[in-house]
Amino acid sequence: MSSPIDVVLCFHNAFRRDITEIDSSVLDIARSGGNLTPVLDRLHSMDEILDYHARGEEAAVFPAVDNVAPLVARAYLMDHGELDKMVESLEAMKLQK
């Protein structure tokens, strides 16, 4: 039987799969040449979805987690911050082309 946490796991697994595919595409392009624009566009789209997802977690999930495991909630918030920095750096690289 499914539970609400299964939805979270489903989203997180999809994000991981997309990041792995994006990473592989970038590595292939770095090795053999090609156009990074489609991959960076995909990353940008994924970042928008991740941003909505992160805001939802921060508003609804993290406060509940913070009540029972404050250090866990803080670690997740730090993780979200690091993802934001990574995407901002990649977006900056895209603009420098």
Protein backbone atom coordinates (compact mmCIF):
# COMPACT_ATOMS: atom_id res chain seq x y z
CA MET A 1 0.00 0.00 0.00
CA SER A 2 1.26 3.49 -0.86
CA SER A 3 1.84 6.25 1.64
CA PRO A 4 2.50 9.99 1.25
CA ILE A 5 6.24 9.45 1.59
CA ASP A 6 6.15 7.35 -1.59
CA VAL A 7 5.34 10.50 -3.57
CA VAL A 8 8.42 12.23 -2.17
CA LEU A 9 10.60 9.24 -3.03
CA CYS A 10 9.16 9.13 -6.54
CA PHE A 11 10.02 12.80 -7.14
CA HIS A 12 13.49 12.48 -5.64
CA ASN A 13 14.27 9.41 -7.74
CA ALA A 14 13.13 11.25 -10.88
CA PHE A 15 15.36 14.22 -10.00
CA ARG A 16 18.33 11.92 -9.47
CA ARG A 17 17.69 10.18 -12.80
CA ASP A 18 17.47 13.50 -14.65
CA ILE A 19 20.65 14.82 -13.04
CA THR A 20 22.46 11.59 -13.98
CA GLU A 21 21.27 11.91 -17.59
CA ILE A 22 22.27 15.59 -17.73
CA ASP A 23 25.66 14.78 -16.24
CA SER A 24 26.23 12.01 -18.78
CA SER A 25 25.24 14.29 -21.65
CA VAL A 26 27.65 17.00 -20.51
CA LEU A 27 30.46 14.47 -20.15
CA ASP A 28 29.80 13.13 -23.67
CA ILE A 29 29.87 16.67 -25.08
CA ALA A 30 33.05 17.50 -23.15
CA ARG A 31 34.74 14.41 -24.58
CA SER A 32 33.58 14.58 -28.17
CA GLY A 33 32.38 18.14 -28.66
CA GLY A 34 28.95 19.38 -29.43
CA ASN A 35 26.40 21.92 -28.40
CA LEU A 36 25.78 22.32 -24.67
CA THR A 37 22.78 24.62 -25.15
CA PRO A 38 20.10 21.88 -25.18
CA VAL A 39 21.58 20.29 -22.07
CA LEU A 40 21.80 23.62 -20.24
CA ASP A 41 18.22 24.38 -21.30
CA ARG A 42 17.14 21.04 -19.83
CA LEU A 43 19.02 21.85 -16.65
CA HIS A 44 17.31 25.24 -16.47
CA SER A 45 13.87 23.62 -16.82
CA MET A 46 14.73 21.05 -14.20
CA ASP A 47 15.91 23.81 -11.87
CA GLU A 48 12.54 25.52 -12.12
CA ILE A 49 10.77 22.29 -11.16
CA LEU A 50 13.26 21.65 -8.35
CA ASP A 51 12.70 25.18 -7.06
CA TYR A 52 8.95 24.64 -6.78
CA HIS A 53 9.55 21.28 -5.16
CA ALA A 54 12.06 22.73 -2.67
CA ARG A 55 9.72 25.56 -1.71
CA GLY A 56 6.97 23.04 -1.03
CA GLU A 57 9.26 20.94 1.13
CA GLU A 58 10.52 23.98 3.01
CA ALA A 59 6.98 25.22 3.67
CA ALA A 60 5.22 21.95 4.48
CA VAL A 61 7.70 19.17 5.23
CA PHE A 62 10.66 20.80 6.95
CA PRO A 63 8.68 22.41 9.79
CA ALA A 64 7.25 18.99 10.67
CA VAL A 65 10.68 17.37 10.48
CA ASP A 66 12.16 20.23 12.51
CA ASN A 67 9.77 19.38 15.36
CA VAL A 68 11.16 15.86 15.68
CA ALA A 69 14.67 16.08 14.20
CA PRO A 70 16.00 19.66 13.94
CA LEU A 71 19.43 18.66 12.68
CA VAL A 72 17.88 16.71 9.82
CA ALA A 73 15.79 19.68 8.69
CA ARG A 74 18.85 21.96 8.81
CA ALA A 75 20.85 19.50 6.72
CA TYR A 76 18.12 19.44 4.08
CA LEU A 77 17.99 23.24 4.03
CA MET A 78 21.75 23.34 3.50
CA ASP A 79 21.37 20.81 0.68
CA HIS A 80 18.78 23.04 -1.01
CA GLY A 81 21.13 26.01 -0.68
CA GLU A 82 24.00 24.09 -2.28
CA LEU A 83 21.78 23.01 -5.18
CA ASP A 84 20.80 26.65 -5.71
CA LYS A 85 24.47 27.70 -5.81
CA MET A 86 25.31 24.95 -8.30
CA VAL A 87 22.53 25.92 -10.68
CA GLU A 88 23.36 29.64 -10.38
CA SER A 89 26.96 28.85 -11.35
CA LEU A 90 25.86 26.81 -14.34
CA GLU A 91 23.44 29.55 -15.43
CA ALA A 92 26.29 32.07 -15.20
CA MET A 93 28.45 29.84 -17.41
CA LYS A 94 25.63 29.64 -19.95
CA LEU A 95 25.41 33.43 -20.10
CA GLN A 96 29.18 33.75 -20.70
CA LYS A 97 29.04 31.76 -23.95
